[in-house]
Amino acid sequence: MVAECGLERFVDAQSGSLGPRFGDYAQALQELLAGQKRTHWIWYVLPQLRGMGTSEMSFLFGLESREEAKAYLAHPLLGKRLHECVNAIRLHKDAAPERILGPIDAIKFQSCLTLFKSVAGPESLFAETLKDFYQGQDDGITLKLLAEGRMLL
């Protein structure tokens, strides 16, 4: 299993270590509760698998494997915050995810949900949120990467 210290990059980023251009966790949650993402934090608050994007941030904050996703979900702070953010988005079930997150980050959110559904199971918050916002459709690229079962370095 991935060492918990590898997840500290997420804790640090959520604490505001990346500077004023990037939102911290409190800012991200506030924006989600309001139903409108305005700052840059998607990579380290609602993570997806490494290999889903080509930016430096996607690489740095992409989860390497299903095992790292399990560790993220089990982390006492990160797992709790992930649930809080997904629940905040669910407050806006009548809005399209593109309206809440923007078109590109709505795709990242579907990927994030697909990844964590694969770890947490078909009755999880992540599966329910996929049903509510994406008609139950998993992200195909995420499923493909998971099926390959390789480390995503």
N, C-alpha and C. Protein backbone atom coordinates (compact mmCIF):
# COMPACT_ATOMS: atom_id res chain seq x y z
N MET A 1 0.84 -1.19 0.00
CA MET A 1 0.00 0.00 0.00
C MET A 1 0.88 1.25 0.00
N VAL A 2 0.39 2.30 -0.60
CA VAL A 2 1.12 3.55 -0.68
C VAL A 2 1.30 4.13 0.71
N ALA A 3 2.47 4.59 0.99
CA ALA A 3 2.73 5.20 2.30
C ALA A 3 1.90 6.46 2.46
N GLU A 4 1.38 6.64 3.66
CA GLU A 4 0.55 7.81 3.94
C GLU A 4 1.29 9.11 3.66
N CYS A 5 2.61 9.12 3.83
CA CYS A 5 3.38 10.35 3.61
C CYS A 5 3.26 10.83 2.17
N GLY A 6 3.03 9.93 1.22
CA GLY A 6 2.83 10.33 -0.16
C GLY A 6 1.58 11.17 -0.34
N LEU A 7 0.64 11.02 0.56
CA LEU A 7 -0.61 11.78 0.49
C LEU A 7 -0.46 13.17 1.09
N GLU A 8 0.65 13.42 1.74
CA GLU A 8 0.85 14.74 2.36
C GLU A 8 0.86 15.86 1.32
N ARG A 9 1.16 15.53 0.07
CA ARG A 9 1.10 16.56 -0.98
C ARG A 9 -0.30 17.14 -1.09
N PHE A 10 -1.32 16.31 -0.85
CA PHE A 10 -2.70 16.77 -0.88
C PHE A 10 -3.02 17.61 0.35
N VAL A 11 -2.59 17.14 1.51
CA VAL A 11 -2.84 17.88 2.75
C VAL A 11 -2.18 19.26 2.65
N ASP A 12 -0.94 19.30 2.19
CA ASP A 12 -0.23 20.57 2.06
C ASP A 12 -0.95 21.51 1.09
N ALA A 13 -1.34 21.00 -0.06
CA ALA A 13 -2.02 21.84 -1.05
C ALA A 13 -3.35 22.34 -0.51
N GLN A 14 -4.09 21.47 0.17
CA GLN A 14 -5.37 21.89 0.74
C GLN A 14 -5.19 22.90 1.87
N SER A 15 -3.99 22.99 2.41
CA SER A 15 -3.70 23.97 3.47
C SER A 15 -3.29 25.31 2.90
N GLY A 16 -3.18 25.41 1.59
CA GLY A 16 -2.84 26.68 0.96
C GLY A 16 -1.38 26.84 0.60
N SER A 17 -0.62 25.76 0.61
CA SER A 17 0.83 25.85 0.35
C SER A 17 1.17 26.27 -1.08
N LEU A 18 0.22 26.20 -1.99
CA LEU A 18 0.50 26.53 -3.39
C LEU A 18 0.40 28.02 -3.69
N GLY A 19 -0.03 28.80 -2.72
CA GLY A 19 -0.09 30.24 -2.88
C GLY A 19 -1.47 30.75 -3.23
N PRO A 20 -1.59 32.07 -3.35
CA PRO A 20 -2.91 32.71 -3.49
C PRO A 20 -3.65 32.39 -4.79
N ARG A 21 -2.95 31.97 -5.80
CA ARG A 21 -3.61 31.64 -7.07
C ARG A 21 -4.49 30.40 -6.94
N PHE A 22 -4.15 29.55 -6.00
CA PHE A 22 -4.86 28.28 -5.81
C PHE A 22 -5.62 28.32 -4.49
N GLY A 23 -6.86 27.86 -4.53
CA GLY A 23 -7.68 27.87 -3.32
C GLY A 23 -7.29 26.77 -2.35
N ASP A 24 -7.49 27.03 -1.07
CA ASP A 24 -7.27 26.00 -0.07
C ASP A 24 -8.58 25.22 0.12
N TYR A 25 -8.57 24.27 1.05
CA TYR A 25 -9.75 23.44 1.24
C TYR A 25 -10.97 24.25 1.65
N ALA A 26 -10.80 25.18 2.56
CA ALA A 26 -11.93 25.99 3.03
C ALA A 26 -12.57 26.75 1.87
N GLN A 27 -11.74 27.30 1.00
CA GLN A 27 -12.24 28.02 -0.17
C GLN A 27 -12.99 27.07 -1.10
N ALA A 28 -12.43 25.90 -1.33
CA ALA A 28 -13.07 24.92 -2.21
C ALA A 28 -14.44 24.53 -1.67
N LEU A 29 -14.51 24.22 -0.39
CA LEU A 29 -15.78 23.82 0.21
C LEU A 29 -16.79 24.96 0.15
N GLN A 30 -16.35 26.17 0.44
CA GLN A 30 -17.24 27.33 0.37
C GLN A 30 -17.82 27.49 -1.04
N GLU A 31 -16.98 27.36 -2.05
CA GLU A 31 -17.44 27.49 -3.43
C GLU A 31 -18.43 26.39 -3.78
N LEU A 32 -18.16 25.17 -3.35
CA LEU A 32 -19.07 24.06 -3.65
C LEU A 32 -20.41 24.23 -2.93
N LEU A 33 -20.37 24.67 -1.70
CA LEU A 33 -21.62 24.92 -0.98
C LEU A 33 -22.45 26.00 -1.67
N ALA A 34 -21.77 26.98 -2.26
CA ALA A 34 -22.45 28.05 -2.99
C ALA A 34 -22.89 27.61 -4.39
N GLY A 35 -22.37 26.46 -4.84
CA GLY A 35 -22.76 25.94 -6.16
C GLY A 35 -22.02 26.55 -7.33
N GLN A 36 -20.82 27.13 -7.07
CA GLN A 36 -20.07 27.78 -8.16
C GLN A 36 -18.58 27.75 -7.86
N LYS A 37 -17.84 26.90 -8.57
CA LYS A 37 -16.38 26.85 -8.42
C LYS A 37 -15.78 28.08 -9.09
N ARG A 38 -14.90 28.78 -8.37
CA ARG A 38 -14.32 30.02 -8.90
C ARG A 38 -12.79 30.03 -8.91
N THR A 39 -12.16 29.24 -8.06
CA THR A 39 -10.70 29.24 -8.00
C THR A 39 -10.16 27.87 -8.42
N HIS A 40 -8.86 27.74 -8.39
CA HIS A 40 -8.18 26.54 -8.91
C HIS A 40 -7.77 25.61 -7.78
N TRP A 41 -8.44 24.47 -7.66
CA TRP A 41 -8.14 23.50 -6.61
C TRP A 41 -8.57 22.08 -6.96
N ILE A 42 -9.17 21.87 -8.10
CA ILE A 42 -9.79 20.59 -8.44
C ILE A 42 -8.83 19.41 -8.28
N TRP A 43 -7.55 19.59 -8.66
CA TRP A 43 -6.59 18.48 -8.69
C TRP A 43 -6.37 17.86 -7.32
N TYR A 44 -6.32 18.67 -6.29
CA TYR A 44 -5.97 18.16 -4.96
C TYR A 44 -7.15 18.07 -4.00
N VAL A 45 -8.35 18.43 -4.44
CA VAL A 45 -9.54 18.29 -3.62
C VAL A 45 -10.43 17.15 -4.14
N LEU A 46 -10.55 17.04 -5.46
CA LEU A 46 -11.33 15.97 -6.09
C LEU A 46 -10.41 15.25 -7.07
N PRO A 47 -9.47 14.46 -6.57
CA PRO A 47 -8.42 13.89 -7.43
C PRO A 47 -8.93 12.79 -8.35
N GLN A 48 -8.17 12.59 -9.40
CA GLN A 48 -8.42 11.52 -10.35
C GLN A 48 -7.11 10.76 -10.56
N LEU A 49 -7.14 9.75 -11.39
CA LEU A 49 -5.93 8.97 -11.66
C LEU A 49 -4.91 9.78 -12.44
N ARG A 50 -3.65 9.51 -12.14
CA ARG A 50 -2.58 10.07 -12.95
C ARG A 50 -2.73 9.50 -14.36
N GLY A 51 -2.53 10.34 -15.34
CA GLY A 51 -2.70 9.91 -16.72
C GLY A 51 -3.97 10.45 -17.34
N MET A 52 -4.82 11.08 -16.52
CA MET A 52 -6.07 11.64 -17.02
C MET A 52 -5.88 13.03 -17.61
N GLY A 53 -4.81 13.67 -17.29
CA GLY A 53 -4.53 15.01 -17.81
C GLY A 53 -3.06 15.13 -18.14
N THR A 54 -2.70 16.22 -18.81
CA THR A 54 -1.31 16.39 -19.23
C THR A 54 -0.61 17.54 -18.51
N SER A 55 -1.32 18.27 -17.67
CA SER A 55 -0.71 19.41 -16.99
C SER A 55 0.20 18.94 -15.85
N GLU A 56 1.06 19.84 -15.42
CA GLU A 56 1.93 19.55 -14.29
C GLU A 56 1.10 19.25 -13.03
N MET A 57 0.02 19.99 -12.84
CA MET A 57 -0.83 19.78 -11.67
C MET A 57 -1.52 18.41 -11.74
N SER A 58 -1.97 18.02 -12.93
CA SER A 58 -2.59 16.70 -13.10
C SER A 58 -1.60 15.60 -12.74
N PHE A 59 -0.36 15.78 -13.15
CA PHE A 59 0.65 14.77 -12.85
C PHE A 59 0.96 14.75 -11.36
N LEU A 60 1.20 15.92 -10.78
CA LEU A 60 1.58 16.00 -9.37
C LEU A 60 0.49 15.44 -8.45
N PHE A 61 -0.77 15.74 -8.76
CA PHE A 61 -1.86 15.34 -7.88
C PHE A 61 -2.69 14.18 -8.42
N GLY A 62 -2.24 13.58 -9.50
CA GLY A 62 -2.92 12.37 -9.97
C GLY A 62 -2.59 11.20 -9.06
N LEU A 63 -3.59 10.44 -8.71
CA LEU A 63 -3.36 9.25 -7.88
C LEU A 63 -2.74 8.16 -8.74
N GLU A 64 -1.74 7.50 -8.22
CA GLU A 64 -0.94 6.54 -8.99
C GLU A 64 -1.64 5.23 -9.28
N SER A 65 -2.57 4.84 -8.42
CA SER A 65 -3.13 3.50 -8.51
C SER A 65 -4.41 3.40 -7.69
N ARG A 66 -5.08 2.28 -7.84
CA ARG A 66 -6.24 1.99 -7.00
C ARG A 66 -5.82 1.97 -5.53
N GLU A 67 -4.63 1.46 -5.24
CA GLU A 67 -4.14 1.40 -3.86
C GLU A 67 -3.97 2.79 -3.27
N GLU A 68 -3.46 3.72 -4.06
CA GLU A 68 -3.32 5.08 -3.54
C GLU A 68 -4.70 5.72 -3.35
N ALA A 69 -5.64 5.41 -4.22
CA ALA A 69 -7.01 5.91 -4.04
C ALA A 69 -7.62 5.35 -2.75
N LYS A 70 -7.37 4.08 -2.46
CA LYS A 70 -7.86 3.49 -1.20
C LYS A 70 -7.24 4.21 -0.01
N ALA A 71 -5.95 4.48 -0.09
CA ALA A 71 -5.26 5.17 1.00
C ALA A 71 -5.81 6.59 1.17
N TYR A 72 -6.10 7.26 0.06
CA TYR A 72 -6.67 8.61 0.11
C TYR A 72 -8.02 8.56 0.83
N LEU A 73 -8.85 7.63 0.43
CA LEU A 73 -10.18 7.51 1.02
C LEU A 73 -10.11 7.14 2.50
N ALA A 74 -9.12 6.34 2.89
CA ALA A 74 -8.96 5.92 4.28
C ALA A 74 -8.25 6.97 5.14
N HIS A 75 -7.61 7.94 4.51
CA HIS A 75 -6.88 8.98 5.25
C HIS A 75 -7.88 9.75 6.12
N PRO A 76 -7.58 9.95 7.40
CA PRO A 76 -8.57 10.57 8.29
C PRO A 76 -9.00 11.98 7.89
N LEU A 77 -8.14 12.74 7.28
CA LEU A 77 -8.50 14.10 6.86
C LEU A 77 -8.97 14.12 5.41
N LEU A 78 -8.21 13.52 4.52
CA LEU A 78 -8.54 13.59 3.09
C LEU A 78 -9.83 12.86 2.76
N GLY A 79 -10.04 11.69 3.34
CA GLY A 79 -11.28 10.96 3.09
C GLY A 79 -12.50 11.73 3.56
N LYS A 80 -12.39 12.32 4.75
CA LYS A 80 -13.48 13.13 5.30
C LYS A 80 -13.77 14.33 4.39
N ARG A 81 -12.73 15.00 3.96
CA ARG A 81 -12.91 16.17 3.11
C ARG A 81 -13.49 15.81 1.74
N LEU A 82 -13.08 14.68 1.20
CA LEU A 82 -13.63 14.23 -0.07
C LEU A 82 -15.14 14.03 0.06
N HIS A 83 -15.55 13.36 1.11
CA HIS A 83 -16.98 13.16 1.35
C HIS A 83 -17.71 14.50 1.52
N GLU A 84 -17.10 15.42 2.26
CA GLU A 84 -17.72 16.74 2.46
C GLU A 84 -17.93 17.47 1.14
N CYS A 85 -16.92 17.42 0.28
CA CYS A 85 -17.02 18.13 -1.00
C CYS A 85 -18.06 17.49 -1.92
N VAL A 86 -18.08 16.18 -1.98
CA VAL A 86 -19.07 15.50 -2.81
C VAL A 86 -20.47 15.80 -2.28
N ASN A 87 -20.64 15.77 -0.97
CA ASN A 87 -21.94 16.10 -0.39
C ASN A 87 -22.33 17.55 -0.66
N ALA A 88 -21.37 18.45 -0.66
CA ALA A 88 -21.66 19.86 -0.97
C ALA A 88 -22.17 19.99 -2.41
N ILE A 89 -21.57 19.27 -3.33
CA ILE A 89 -22.03 19.30 -4.72
C ILE A 89 -23.43 18.71 -4.82
N ARG A 90 -23.69 17.67 -4.06
CA ARG A 90 -25.01 17.02 -4.10
C ARG A 90 -26.14 17.94 -3.62
N LEU A 91 -25.80 18.99 -2.91
CA LEU A 91 -26.82 19.97 -2.52
C LEU A 91 -27.44 20.65 -3.74
N HIS A 92 -26.76 20.57 -4.86
CA HIS A 92 -27.18 21.25 -6.09
C HIS A 92 -27.58 20.24 -7.16
N LYS A 93 -28.31 19.21 -6.78
CA LYS A 93 -28.69 18.13 -7.70
C LYS A 93 -29.46 18.61 -8.92
N ASP A 94 -30.12 19.74 -8.80
CA ASP A 94 -30.90 20.24 -9.93
C ASP A 94 -30.04 20.99 -10.95
N ALA A 95 -28.78 21.22 -10.63
CA ALA A 95 -27.87 21.92 -11.54
C ALA A 95 -26.98 20.90 -12.25
N ALA A 96 -26.65 21.20 -13.48
CA ALA A 96 -25.69 20.36 -14.21
C ALA A 96 -24.31 20.53 -13.59
N PRO A 97 -23.50 19.47 -13.57
CA PRO A 97 -22.16 19.60 -13.00
C PRO A 97 -21.33 20.66 -13.72
N GLU A 98 -21.59 20.86 -15.01
CA GLU A 98 -20.87 21.89 -15.77
C GLU A 98 -21.17 23.28 -15.22
N ARG A 99 -22.37 23.47 -14.72
CA ARG A 99 -22.74 24.77 -14.15
C ARG A 99 -22.03 25.00 -12.81
N ILE A 100 -21.87 23.96 -12.04
CA ILE A 100 -21.24 24.06 -10.72
C ILE A 100 -19.73 24.17 -10.85
N LEU A 101 -19.14 23.34 -11.70
CA LEU A 101 -17.69 23.19 -11.77
C LEU A 101 -17.04 23.78 -13.01
N GLY A 102 -17.82 24.03 -14.05
CA GLY A 102 -17.27 24.38 -15.35
C GLY A 102 -17.13 23.12 -16.18
N PRO A 103 -17.08 23.25 -17.51
CA PRO A 103 -17.11 22.06 -18.37
C PRO A 103 -15.92 21.11 -18.21
N ILE A 104 -14.74 21.62 -18.07
CA ILE A 104 -13.56 20.76 -17.95
C ILE A 104 -13.52 20.07 -16.59
N ASP A 105 -13.79 20.83 -15.54
CA ASP A 105 -13.75 20.24 -14.20
C ASP A 105 -14.92 19.30 -13.96
N ALA A 106 -16.01 19.45 -14.69
CA ALA A 106 -17.12 18.49 -14.58
C ALA A 106 -16.67 17.12 -15.09
N ILE A 107 -15.83 17.09 -16.10
CA ILE A 107 -15.27 15.83 -16.61
C ILE A 107 -14.34 15.23 -15.55
N LYS A 108 -13.52 16.07 -14.93
CA LYS A 108 -12.61 15.59 -13.88
C LYS A 108 -13.40 15.04 -12.70
N PHE A 109 -14.52 15.67 -12.39
CA PHE A 109 -15.36 15.20 -11.28
C PHE A 109 -15.93 13.82 -11.58
N GLN A 110 -16.37 13.59 -12.81
CA GLN A 110 -16.88 12.27 -13.19
C GLN A 110 -15.77 11.23 -13.06
N SER A 111 -14.57 11.59 -13.45
CA SER A 111 -13.43 10.69 -13.31
C SER A 111 -13.14 10.40 -11.84
N CYS A 112 -13.16 11.43 -11.01
CA CYS A 112 -12.95 11.27 -9.57
C CYS A 112 -13.98 10.33 -8.97
N LEU A 113 -15.25 10.56 -9.30
CA LEU A 113 -16.32 9.71 -8.77
C LEU A 113 -16.15 8.26 -9.21
N THR A 114 -15.78 8.06 -10.47
CA THR A 114 -15.58 6.71 -10.99
C THR A 114 -14.45 6.00 -10.24
N LEU A 115 -13.36 6.71 -10.03
CA LEU A 115 -12.23 6.15 -9.30
C LEU A 115 -12.63 5.73 -7.88
N PHE A 116 -13.26 6.63 -7.16
CA PHE A 116 -13.58 6.33 -5.76
C PHE A 116 -14.74 5.35 -5.64
N LYS A 117 -15.63 5.31 -6.62
CA LYS A 117 -16.66 4.26 -6.64
C LYS A 117 -15.98 2.89 -6.77
N SER A 118 -14.92 2.81 -7.57
CA SER A 118 -14.23 1.53 -7.76
C SER A 118 -13.59 1.04 -6.46
N VAL A 119 -13.30 1.96 -5.57
CA VAL A 119 -12.69 1.64 -4.28
C VAL A 119 -13.75 1.42 -3.20
N ALA A 120 -14.79 2.26 -3.21
CA ALA A 120 -15.78 2.25 -2.13
C ALA A 120 -16.98 1.35 -2.41
N GLY A 121 -17.23 1.02 -3.66
CA GLY A 121 -18.30 0.10 -3.99
C GLY A 121 -19.53 0.73 -4.62
N PRO A 122 -20.42 -0.13 -5.13
CA PRO A 122 -21.57 0.33 -5.91
C PRO A 122 -22.67 0.99 -5.09
N GLU A 123 -22.61 0.89 -3.78
CA GLU A 123 -23.62 1.54 -2.93
C GLU A 123 -23.06 2.79 -2.25
N SER A 124 -21.91 3.25 -2.70
CA SER A 124 -21.22 4.36 -2.04
C SER A 124 -21.79 5.72 -2.45
N LEU A 125 -21.37 6.71 -1.72
CA LEU A 125 -21.69 8.10 -2.05
C LEU A 125 -21.27 8.43 -3.48
N PHE A 126 -20.15 7.88 -3.91
CA PHE A 126 -19.62 8.18 -5.23
C PHE A 126 -20.51 7.59 -6.32
N ALA A 127 -20.99 6.37 -6.11
CA ALA A 127 -21.91 5.74 -7.06
C ALA A 127 -23.22 6.51 -7.12
N GLU A 128 -23.73 6.91 -5.96
CA GLU A 128 -24.98 7.68 -5.92
C GLU A 128 -24.83 9.01 -6.64
N THR A 129 -23.69 9.64 -6.48
CA THR A 129 -23.46 10.93 -7.12
C THR A 129 -23.32 10.77 -8.63
N LEU A 130 -22.70 9.68 -9.07
CA LEU A 130 -22.66 9.40 -10.51
C LEU A 130 -24.08 9.25 -11.05
N LYS A 131 -24.95 8.59 -10.30
CA LYS A 131 -26.35 8.45 -10.73
C LYS A 131 -27.03 9.81 -10.82
N ASP A 132 -26.82 10.64 -9.82
CA ASP A 132 -27.49 11.94 -9.77
C ASP A 132 -27.03 12.91 -10.85
N PHE A 133 -25.74 12.91 -11.15
CA PHE A 133 -25.20 13.92 -12.06
C PHE A 133 -24.81 13.41 -13.44
N TYR A 134 -24.57 12.11 -13.56
CA TYR A 134 -24.06 11.56 -14.83
C TYR A 134 -24.87 10.36 -15.29
N GLN A 135 -26.12 10.26 -14.87
CA GLN A 135 -27.01 9.16 -15.22
C GLN A 135 -26.36 7.80 -14.96
N GLY A 136 -25.53 7.74 -13.92
CA GLY A 136 -24.88 6.50 -13.53
C GLY A 136 -23.70 6.10 -14.40
N GLN A 137 -23.32 6.95 -15.34
CA GLN A 137 -22.24 6.63 -16.28
C GLN A 137 -20.86 6.84 -15.65
N ASP A 138 -20.09 5.78 -15.61
CA ASP A 138 -18.70 5.90 -15.19
C ASP A 138 -17.90 6.58 -16.29
N ASP A 139 -16.76 7.13 -15.91
CA ASP A 139 -15.84 7.69 -16.90
C ASP A 139 -15.08 6.54 -17.56
N GLY A 140 -15.20 6.43 -18.87
CA GLY A 140 -14.61 5.31 -19.60
C GLY A 140 -13.10 5.24 -19.54
N ILE A 141 -12.44 6.39 -19.58
CA ILE A 141 -10.97 6.38 -19.55
C ILE A 141 -10.48 5.92 -18.18
N THR A 142 -11.15 6.37 -17.13
CA THR A 142 -10.79 5.93 -15.78
C THR A 142 -10.95 4.42 -15.66
N LEU A 143 -12.06 3.90 -16.16
CA LEU A 143 -12.28 2.44 -16.12
C LEU A 143 -11.19 1.70 -16.88
N LYS A 144 -10.80 2.23 -18.02
CA LYS A 144 -9.75 1.60 -18.83
C LYS A 144 -8.43 1.56 -18.06
N LEU A 145 -8.06 2.68 -17.46
CA LEU A 145 -6.81 2.72 -16.70
C LEU A 145 -6.87 1.78 -15.50
N LEU A 146 -8.01 1.73 -14.84
CA LEU A 146 -8.15 0.80 -13.70
C LEU A 146 -8.06 -0.65 -14.15
N ALA A 147 -8.66 -0.96 -15.30
CA ALA A 147 -8.64 -2.33 -15.81
C ALA A 147 -7.23 -2.77 -16.17
N GLU A 148 -6.42 -1.82 -16.61
CA GLU A 148 -5.03 -2.15 -16.94
C GLU A 148 -4.25 -2.52 -15.69
N GLY A 149 -4.71 -2.00 -14.54
CA GLY A 149 -4.12 -2.36 -13.26
C GLY A 149 -2.65 -2.05 -13.12
N ARG A 150 -2.18 -1.07 -13.82
CA ARG A 150 -0.76 -0.75 -13.75
C ARG A 150 -0.56 0.52 -12.95
N MET A 151 0.65 0.70 -12.49
CA MET A 151 1.00 1.94 -11.83
C MET A 151 1.02 3.02 -12.90
N LEU A 152 0.54 4.18 -12.56
CA LEU A 152 0.42 5.27 -13.52
C LEU A 152 1.48 6.31 -13.23
N LEU A 153 2.69 6.07 -13.67
CA LEU A 153 3.80 6.97 -13.36
C LEU A 153 4.16 7.87 -14.51
